[in-house]
């Protein structure tokens, strides 16, 4: 089980500050799909959000270990 931290509008859309997903390891892209399946109400936002693995922004091809610290950061706007 991998716990994913959610922030800002992502937490609001999902209705929680974190989500647990079954995880056997893989890429950020496959984790993105797993989180979207676990939180269908937030799926559109998950598709355009940044993932941070181990405190660093990561692309969809980057690996995610079984015990990784993962956060999803939704797009922000402002000026």
PDB file of N, CA and C in Angstrom:
ATOM      1  N   UNK A   1       0.855  -1.175   0.000  1.00  0.00           N
ATOM      2  CA  UNK A   1       0.000   0.000   0.000  1.00  0.00           C
ATOM      3  C   UNK A   1       0.896   1.231   0.000  1.00  0.00           C
ATOM      4  N   UNK A   2       0.562   2.197  -0.837  1.00  0.00           N
ATOM      5  CA  UNK A   2       1.324   3.432  -0.948  1.00  0.00           C
ATOM      6  C   UNK A   2       0.394   4.588  -0.624  1.00  0.00           C
ATOM      7  N   UNK A   3       0.804   5.449   0.301  1.00  0.00           N
ATOM      8  CA  UNK A   3      -0.004   6.618   0.674  1.00  0.00           C
ATOM      9  C   UNK A   3       0.452   7.819  -0.148  1.00  0.00           C
ATOM     10  N   UNK A   4      -0.509   8.490  -0.800  1.00  0.00           N
ATOM     11  CA  UNK A   4      -0.252   9.639  -1.637  1.00  0.00           C
ATOM     12  C   UNK A   4      -0.817  10.875  -0.936  1.00  0.00           C
ATOM     13  N   UNK A   5       0.011  11.896  -0.739  1.00  0.00           N
ATOM     14  CA  UNK A   5      -0.447  13.147  -0.129  1.00  0.00           C
ATOM     15  C   UNK A   5      -1.071  14.027  -1.194  1.00  0.00           C
ATOM     16  N   UNK A   6      -2.182  14.657  -0.834  1.00  0.00           N
ATOM     17  CA  UNK A   6      -2.910  15.533  -1.752  1.00  0.00           C
ATOM     18  C   UNK A   6      -2.924  16.947  -1.195  1.00  0.00           C
ATOM     19  N   UNK A   7      -2.800  17.942  -2.069  1.00  0.00           N
ATOM     20  CA  UNK A   7      -2.741  19.325  -1.629  1.00  0.00           C
ATOM     21  C   UNK A   7      -3.737  20.192  -2.378  1.00  0.00           C
ATOM     22  N   UNK A   8      -4.092  21.312  -1.755  1.00  0.00           N
ATOM     23  CA  UNK A   8      -4.896  22.382  -2.351  1.00  0.00           C
ATOM     24  C   UNK A   8      -6.172  21.837  -2.996  1.00  0.00           C
ATOM     25  N   UNK A   9      -6.426  22.231  -4.240  1.00  0.00           N
ATOM     26  CA  UNK A   9      -7.641  21.830  -4.948  1.00  0.00           C
ATOM     27  C   UNK A   9      -7.754  20.333  -5.138  1.00  0.00           C
ATOM     28  N   UNK A  10      -6.618  19.632  -5.164  1.00  0.00           N
ATOM     29  CA  UNK A  10      -6.645  18.170  -5.292  1.00  0.00           C
ATOM     30  C   UNK A  10      -7.299  17.549  -4.055  1.00  0.00           C
ATOM     31  N   UNK A  11      -6.926  18.015  -2.877  1.00  0.00           N
ATOM     32  CA  UNK A  11      -7.520  17.497  -1.641  1.00  0.00           C
ATOM     33  C   UNK A  11      -9.016  17.814  -1.603  1.00  0.00           C
ATOM     34  N   UNK A  12      -9.381  19.003  -2.047  1.00  0.00           N
ATOM     35  CA  UNK A  12     -10.797  19.377  -2.089  1.00  0.00           C
ATOM     36  C   UNK A  12     -11.575  18.486  -3.044  1.00  0.00           C
ATOM     37  N   UNK A  13     -11.036  18.242  -4.235  1.00  0.00           N
ATOM     38  CA  UNK A  13     -11.720  17.412  -5.228  1.00  0.00           C
ATOM     39  C   UNK A  13     -11.864  15.971  -4.749  1.00  0.00           C
ATOM     40  N   UNK A  14     -10.840  15.457  -4.083  1.00  0.00           N
ATOM     41  CA  UNK A  14     -10.866  14.072  -3.605  1.00  0.00           C
ATOM     42  C   UNK A  14     -11.630  13.931  -2.299  1.00  0.00           C
ATOM     43  N   UNK A  15     -11.784  15.034  -1.558  1.00  0.00           N
ATOM     44  CA  UNK A  15     -12.474  14.989  -0.275  1.00  0.00           C
ATOM     45  C   UNK A  15     -11.601  14.432   0.845  1.00  0.00           C
ATOM     46  N   UNK A  16     -10.275  14.436   0.647  1.00  0.00           N
ATOM     47  CA  UNK A  16      -9.362  13.926   1.681  1.00  0.00           C
ATOM     48  C   UNK A  16      -7.958  14.479   1.437  1.00  0.00           C
ATOM     49  N   UNK A  17      -7.092  14.404   2.433  1.00  0.00           N
ATOM     50  CA  UNK A  17      -5.724  14.923   2.336  1.00  0.00           C
ATOM     51  C   UNK A  17      -4.726  13.870   1.865  1.00  0.00           C
ATOM     52  N   UNK A  18      -5.170  12.608   1.820  1.00  0.00           N
ATOM     53  CA  UNK A  18      -4.297  11.542   1.314  1.00  0.00           C
ATOM     54  C   UNK A  18      -5.158  10.397   0.816  1.00  0.00           C
ATOM     55  N   UNK A  19      -4.544   9.568  -0.030  1.00  0.00           N
ATOM     56  CA  UNK A  19      -5.239   8.394  -0.549  1.00  0.00           C
ATOM     57  C   UNK A  19      -4.242   7.240  -0.572  1.00  0.00           C
ATOM     58  N   UNK A  20      -4.705   6.059  -0.237  1.00  0.00           N
ATOM     59  CA  UNK A  20      -3.880   4.858  -0.275  1.00  0.00           C
ATOM     60  C   UNK A  20      -4.226   4.060  -1.524  1.00  0.00           C
ATOM     61  N   UNK A  21      -3.200   3.601  -2.227  1.00  0.00           N
ATOM     62  CA  UNK A  21      -3.413   2.769  -3.407  1.00  0.00           C
ATOM     63  C   UNK A  21      -2.569   1.509  -3.295  1.00  0.00           C
ATOM     64  N   UNK A  22      -3.086   0.428  -3.841  1.00  0.00           N
ATOM     65  CA  UNK A  22      -2.296  -0.802  -3.952  1.00  0.00           C
ATOM     66  C   UNK A  22      -1.164  -0.508  -4.909  1.00  0.00           C
ATOM     67  N   UNK A  23       0.065  -0.858  -4.524  1.00  0.00           N
ATOM     68  CA  UNK A  23       1.205  -0.503  -5.357  1.00  0.00           C
ATOM     69  C   UNK A  23       2.274  -1.582  -5.297  1.00  0.00           C
ATOM     70  N   UNK A  24       2.675  -2.049  -6.462  1.00  0.00           N
ATOM     71  CA  UNK A  24       3.725  -3.062  -6.569  1.00  0.00           C
ATOM     72  C   UNK A  24       4.989  -2.470  -7.188  1.00  0.00           C
ATOM     73  N   UNK A  25       4.999  -1.155  -7.362  1.00  0.00           N
ATOM     74  CA  UNK A  25       6.113  -0.486  -8.019  1.00  0.00           C
ATOM     75  C   UNK A  25       5.774  -0.230  -9.470  1.00  0.00           C
ATOM     76  N   UNK A  26       6.432   0.739 -10.058  1.00  0.00           N
ATOM     77  CA  UNK A  26       6.187   1.097 -11.452  1.00  0.00           C
ATOM     78  C   UNK A  26       6.578   2.540 -11.685  1.00  0.00           C
ATOM     79  N   UNK A  27       5.932   3.180 -12.640  1.00  0.00           N
ATOM     80  CA  UNK A  27       6.262   4.547 -13.012  1.00  0.00           C
ATOM     81  C   UNK A  27       5.234   5.537 -12.467  1.00  0.00           C
ATOM     82  N   UNK A  28       5.591   6.799 -12.533  1.00  0.00           N
ATOM     83  CA  UNK A  28       4.656   7.852 -12.144  1.00  0.00           C
ATOM     84  C   UNK A  28       3.393   7.756 -13.005  1.00  0.00           C
ATOM     85  N   UNK A  29       3.546   7.466 -14.280  1.00  0.00           N
ATOM     86  CA  UNK A  29       2.387   7.351 -15.165  1.00  0.00           C
ATOM     87  C   UNK A  29       1.421   6.263 -14.719  1.00  0.00           C
ATOM     88  N   UNK A  30       1.960   5.117 -14.315  1.00  0.00           N
ATOM     89  CA  UNK A  30       1.068   4.042 -13.850  1.00  0.00           C
ATOM     90  C   UNK A  30       0.479   4.381 -12.484  1.00  0.00           C
ATOM     91  N   UNK A  31       1.229   5.099 -11.663  1.00  0.00           N
ATOM     92  CA  UNK A  31       0.684   5.541 -10.376  1.00  0.00           C
ATOM     93  C   UNK A  31      -0.407   6.575 -10.601  1.00  0.00           C
ATOM     94  N   UNK A  32      -0.214   7.478 -11.560  1.00  0.00           N
ATOM     95  CA  UNK A  32      -1.240   8.476 -11.901  1.00  0.00           C
ATOM     96  C   UNK A  32      -2.563   7.768 -12.235  1.00  0.00           C
ATOM     97  N   UNK A  33      -2.490   6.702 -13.025  1.00  0.00           N
ATOM     98  CA  UNK A  33      -3.688   5.946 -13.398  1.00  0.00           C
ATOM     99  C   UNK A  33      -4.312   5.269 -12.178  1.00  0.00           C
ATOM    100  N   UNK A  34      -3.479   4.727 -11.288  1.00  0.00           N
ATOM    101  CA  UNK A  34      -3.990   4.045 -10.086  1.00  0.00           C
ATOM    102  C   UNK A  34      -4.689   5.032  -9.155  1.00  0.00           C
ATOM    103  N   UNK A  35      -4.131   6.220  -9.004  1.00  0.00           N
ATOM    104  CA  UNK A  35      -4.744   7.231  -8.134  1.00  0.00           C
ATOM    105  C   UNK A  35      -6.047   7.729  -8.757  1.00  0.00           C
ATOM    106  N   UNK A  36      -6.065   7.919 -10.059  1.00  0.00           N
ATOM    107  CA  UNK A  36      -7.291   8.353 -10.737  1.00  0.00           C
ATOM    108  C   UNK A  36      -8.402   7.323 -10.562  1.00  0.00           C
ATOM    109  N   UNK A  37      -8.031   6.048 -10.593  1.00  0.00           N
ATOM    110  CA  UNK A  37      -9.026   4.988 -10.387  1.00  0.00           C
ATOM    111  C   UNK A  37      -9.533   4.993  -8.943  1.00  0.00           C
ATOM    112  N   UNK A  38      -8.635   5.273  -7.993  1.00  0.00           N
ATOM    113  CA  UNK A  38      -9.018   5.294  -6.578  1.00  0.00           C
ATOM    114  C   UNK A  38      -9.841   6.529  -6.224  1.00  0.00           C
ATOM    115  N   UNK A  39      -9.657   7.618  -6.965  1.00  0.00           N
ATOM    116  CA  UNK A  39     -10.371   8.885  -6.717  1.00  0.00           C
ATOM    117  C   UNK A  39     -10.995   9.393  -8.010  1.00  0.00           C
ATOM    118  N   UNK A  40     -12.020   8.734  -8.513  1.00  0.00           N
ATOM    119  CA  UNK A  40     -12.582   9.137  -9.808  1.00  0.00           C
ATOM    120  C   UNK A  40     -13.062  10.586  -9.852  1.00  0.00           C
ATOM    121  N   UNK A  41     -13.521  11.144  -8.736  1.00  0.00           N
ATOM    122  CA  UNK A  41     -13.985  12.534  -8.734  1.00  0.00           C
ATOM    123  C   UNK A  41     -12.840  13.502  -9.019  1.00  0.00           C
ATOM    124  N   UNK A  42     -11.621  13.115  -8.691  1.00  0.00           N
ATOM    125  CA  UNK A  42     -10.458  13.980  -8.893  1.00  0.00           C
ATOM    126  C   UNK A  42      -9.677  13.618 -10.152  1.00  0.00           C
ATOM    127  N   UNK A  43     -10.111  12.614 -10.905  1.00  0.00           N
ATOM    128  CA  UNK A  43      -9.363  12.126 -12.070  1.00  0.00           C
ATOM    129  C   UNK A  43      -9.000  13.217 -13.082  1.00  0.00           C
ATOM    130  N   UNK A  44      -9.922  14.138 -13.436  1.00  0.00           N
ATOM    131  CA  UNK A  44      -9.535  15.178 -14.394  1.00  0.00           C
ATOM    132  C   UNK A  44      -8.393  16.059 -13.883  1.00  0.00           C
ATOM    133  N   UNK A  45      -8.379  16.339 -12.600  1.00  0.00           N
ATOM    134  CA  UNK A  45      -7.329  17.152 -12.014  1.00  0.00           C
ATOM    135  C   UNK A  45      -6.023  16.365 -11.886  1.00  0.00           C
ATOM    136  N   UNK A  46      -6.129  15.080 -11.564  1.00  0.00           N
ATOM    137  CA  UNK A  46      -4.946  14.220 -11.468  1.00  0.00           C
ATOM    138  C   UNK A  46      -4.209  14.181 -12.802  1.00  0.00           C
ATOM    139  N   UNK A  47      -4.952  14.173 -13.890  1.00  0.00           N
ATOM    140  CA  UNK A  47      -4.361  14.088 -15.231  1.00  0.00           C
ATOM    141  C   UNK A  47      -3.450  15.267 -15.544  1.00  0.00           C
ATOM    142  N   UNK A  48      -3.683  16.424 -14.928  1.00  0.00           N
ATOM    143  CA  UNK A  48      -2.893  17.619 -15.242  1.00  0.00           C
ATOM    144  C   UNK A  48      -2.029  18.097 -14.072  1.00  0.00           C
ATOM    145  N   UNK A  49      -1.933  17.283 -13.039  1.00  0.00           N
ATOM    146  CA  UNK A  49      -1.179  17.662 -11.850  1.00  0.00           C
ATOM    147  C   UNK A  49       0.253  17.142 -11.891  1.00  0.00           C
ATOM    148  N   UNK A  50       1.107  17.793 -11.111  1.00  0.00           N
ATOM    149  CA  UNK A  50       2.504  17.364 -10.973  1.00  0.00           C
ATOM    150  C   UNK A  50       2.606  16.330  -9.858  1.00  0.00           C
ATOM    151  N   UNK A  51       3.505  15.383 -10.046  1.00  0.00           N
ATOM    152  CA  UNK A  51       3.791  14.396  -9.016  1.00  0.00           C
ATOM    153  C   UNK A  51       5.184  14.657  -8.465  1.00  0.00           C
ATOM    154  N   UNK A  52       5.308  14.630  -7.161  1.00  0.00           N
ATOM    155  CA  UNK A  52       6.614  14.741  -6.512  1.00  0.00           C
ATOM    156  C   UNK A  52       6.896  13.410  -5.823  1.00  0.00           C
ATOM    157  N   UNK A  53       8.032  12.837  -6.139  1.00  0.00           N
ATOM    158  CA  UNK A  53       8.440  11.557  -5.546  1.00  0.00           C
ATOM    159  C   UNK A  53       9.732  11.817  -4.778  1.00  0.00           C
ATOM    160  N   UNK A  54       9.699  11.533  -3.481  1.00  0.00           N
ATOM    161  CA  UNK A  54      10.873  11.791  -2.666  1.00  0.00           C
ATOM    162  C   UNK A  54      11.260  13.253  -2.620  1.00  0.00           C
ATOM    163  N   UNK A  55      10.276  14.148  -2.698  1.00  0.00           N
ATOM    164  CA  UNK A  55      10.527  15.569  -2.610  1.00  0.00           C
ATOM    165  C   UNK A  55      10.979  16.230  -3.905  1.00  0.00           C
ATOM    166  N   UNK A  56      10.981  15.474  -5.018  1.00  0.00           N
ATOM    167  CA  UNK A  56      11.389  16.031  -6.317  1.00  0.00           C
ATOM    168  C   UNK A  56      10.282  15.819  -7.350  1.00  0.00           C
ATOM    169  N   UNK A  57      10.059  16.847  -8.159  1.00  0.00           N
ATOM    170  CA  UNK A  57       9.084  16.686  -9.224  1.00  0.00           C
ATOM    171  C   UNK A  57       9.556  15.573 -10.162  1.00  0.00           C
ATOM    172  N   UNK A  58       8.613  14.754 -10.597  1.00  0.00           N
ATOM    173  CA  UNK A  58       8.941  13.590 -11.416  1.00  0.00           C
ATOM    174  C   UNK A  58       8.034  13.514 -12.627  1.00  0.00           C
ATOM    175  N   UNK A  59       8.580  13.041 -13.742  1.00  0.00           N
ATOM    176  CA  UNK A  59       7.816  12.849 -14.968  1.00  0.00           C
ATOM    177  C   UNK A  59       7.158  11.484 -14.992  1.00  0.00           C
ATOM    178  N   UNK A  60       6.248  11.283 -15.928  1.00  0.00           N
ATOM    179  CA  UNK A  60       5.494  10.035 -16.000  1.00  0.00           C
ATOM    180  C   UNK A  60       6.359   8.799 -16.212  1.00  0.00           C
ATOM    181  N   UNK A  61       7.539   8.947 -16.774  1.00  0.00           N
ATOM    182  CA  UNK A  61       8.412   7.789 -17.008  1.00  0.00           C
ATOM    183  C   UNK A  61       9.320   7.468 -15.818  1.00  0.00           C
ATOM    184  N   UNK A  62       9.329   8.332 -14.810  1.00  0.00           N
ATOM    185  CA  UNK A  62      10.195   8.109 -13.649  1.00  0.00           C
ATOM    186  C   UNK A  62       9.652   6.993 -12.761  1.00  0.00           C
ATOM    187  N   UNK A  63      10.553   6.231 -12.124  1.00  0.00           N
ATOM    188  CA  UNK A  63      10.118   5.124 -11.273  1.00  0.00           C
ATOM    189  C   UNK A  63       9.588   5.596  -9.923  1.00  0.00           C
ATOM    190  N   UNK A  64       8.696   4.797  -9.357  1.00  0.00           N
ATOM    191  CA  UNK A  64       8.169   5.038  -8.015  1.00  0.00           C
ATOM    192  C   UNK A  64       8.351   3.745  -7.229  1.00  0.00           C
ATOM    193  N   UNK A  65       9.186   3.788  -6.207  1.00  0.00           N
ATOM    194  CA  UNK A  65       9.461   2.609  -5.387  1.00  0.00           C
ATOM    195  C   UNK A  65       8.268   2.269  -4.490  1.00  0.00           C
ATOM    196  N   UNK A  66       8.318   1.081  -3.926  1.00  0.00           N
ATOM    197  CA  UNK A  66       7.232   0.611  -3.063  1.00  0.00           C
ATOM    198  C   UNK A  66       7.046   1.469  -1.820  1.00  0.00           C
ATOM    199  N   UNK A  67       8.124   2.053  -1.326  1.00  0.00           N
ATOM    200  CA  UNK A  67       8.048   2.828  -0.084  1.00  0.00           C
ATOM    201  C   UNK A  67       8.261   4.323  -0.314  1.00  0.00           C
ATOM    202  N   UNK A  68       8.001   4.794  -1.511  1.00  0.00           N
ATOM    203  CA  UNK A  68       8.257   6.193  -1.872  1.00  0.00           C
ATOM    204  C   UNK A  68       7.332   7.143  -1.132  1.00  0.00           C
ATOM    205  N   UNK A  69       7.828   8.350  -0.939  1.00  0.00           N
ATOM    206  CA  UNK A  69       7.009   9.450  -0.443  1.00  0.00           C
ATOM    207  C   UNK A  69       6.505  10.189  -1.673  1.00  0.00           C
ATOM    208  N   UNK A  70       5.185  10.222  -1.853  1.00  0.00           N
ATOM    209  CA  UNK A  70       4.604  10.786  -3.075  1.00  0.00           C
ATOM    210  C   UNK A  70       3.575  11.852  -2.717  1.00  0.00           C
ATOM    211  N   UNK A  71       3.620  12.950  -3.463  1.00  0.00           N
ATOM    212  CA  UNK A  71       2.627  14.011  -3.310  1.00  0.00           C
ATOM    213  C   UNK A  71       2.151  14.412  -4.702  1.00  0.00           C
ATOM    214  N   UNK A  72       0.875  14.797  -4.775  1.00  0.00           N
ATOM    215  CA  UNK A  72       0.315  15.309  -6.030  1.00  0.00           C
ATOM    216  C   UNK A  72       0.030  16.781  -5.822  1.00  0.00           C
ATOM    217  N   UNK A  73       0.591  17.595  -6.708  1.00  0.00           N
ATOM    218  CA  UNK A  73       0.437  19.032  -6.619  1.00  0.00           C
ATOM    219  C   UNK A  73      -0.369  19.514  -7.820  1.00  0.00           C
ATOM    220  N   UNK A  74      -1.580  20.024  -7.598  1.00  0.00           N
ATOM    221  CA  UNK A  74      -2.403  20.478  -8.715  1.00  0.00           C
ATOM    222  C   UNK A  74      -1.843  21.764  -9.309  1.00  0.00           C
ATOM    223  N   UNK A  75      -2.257  22.071 -10.526  1.00  0.00           N
ATOM    224  CA  UNK A  75      -1.813  23.326 -11.148  1.00  0.00           C
ATOM    225  C   UNK A  75      -2.260  24.520 -10.293  1.00  0.00           C
ATOM    226  N   UNK A  76      -1.448  25.546 -10.284  1.00  0.00           N
ATOM    227  CA  UNK A  76      -1.799  26.754  -9.549  1.00  0.00           C
ATOM    228  C   UNK A  76      -1.803  27.929 -10.512  1.00  0.00           C
ATOM    229  N   UNK A  77      -2.565  28.940 -10.160  1.00  0.00           N
ATOM    230  CA  UNK A  77      -2.569  30.148 -10.969  1.00  0.00           C
ATOM    231  C   UNK A  77      -2.504  31.336 -10.026  1.00  0.00           C
ATOM    232  N   UNK A  78      -2.160  32.417 -10.550  1.00  0.00           N
ATOM    233  CA  UNK A  78      -2.058  33.619  -9.734  1.00  0.00           C
ATOM    234  C   UNK A  78      -1.137  34.603 -10.399  1.00  0.00           C
ATOM    235  N   UNK A  79      -0.943  35.697  -9.765  1.00  0.00           N
ATOM    236  CA  UNK A  79      -0.099  36.688 -10.401  1.00  0.00           C
ATOM    237  C   UNK A  79       0.579  37.600  -9.459  1.00  0.00           C
TER     238      UNK A  79
END
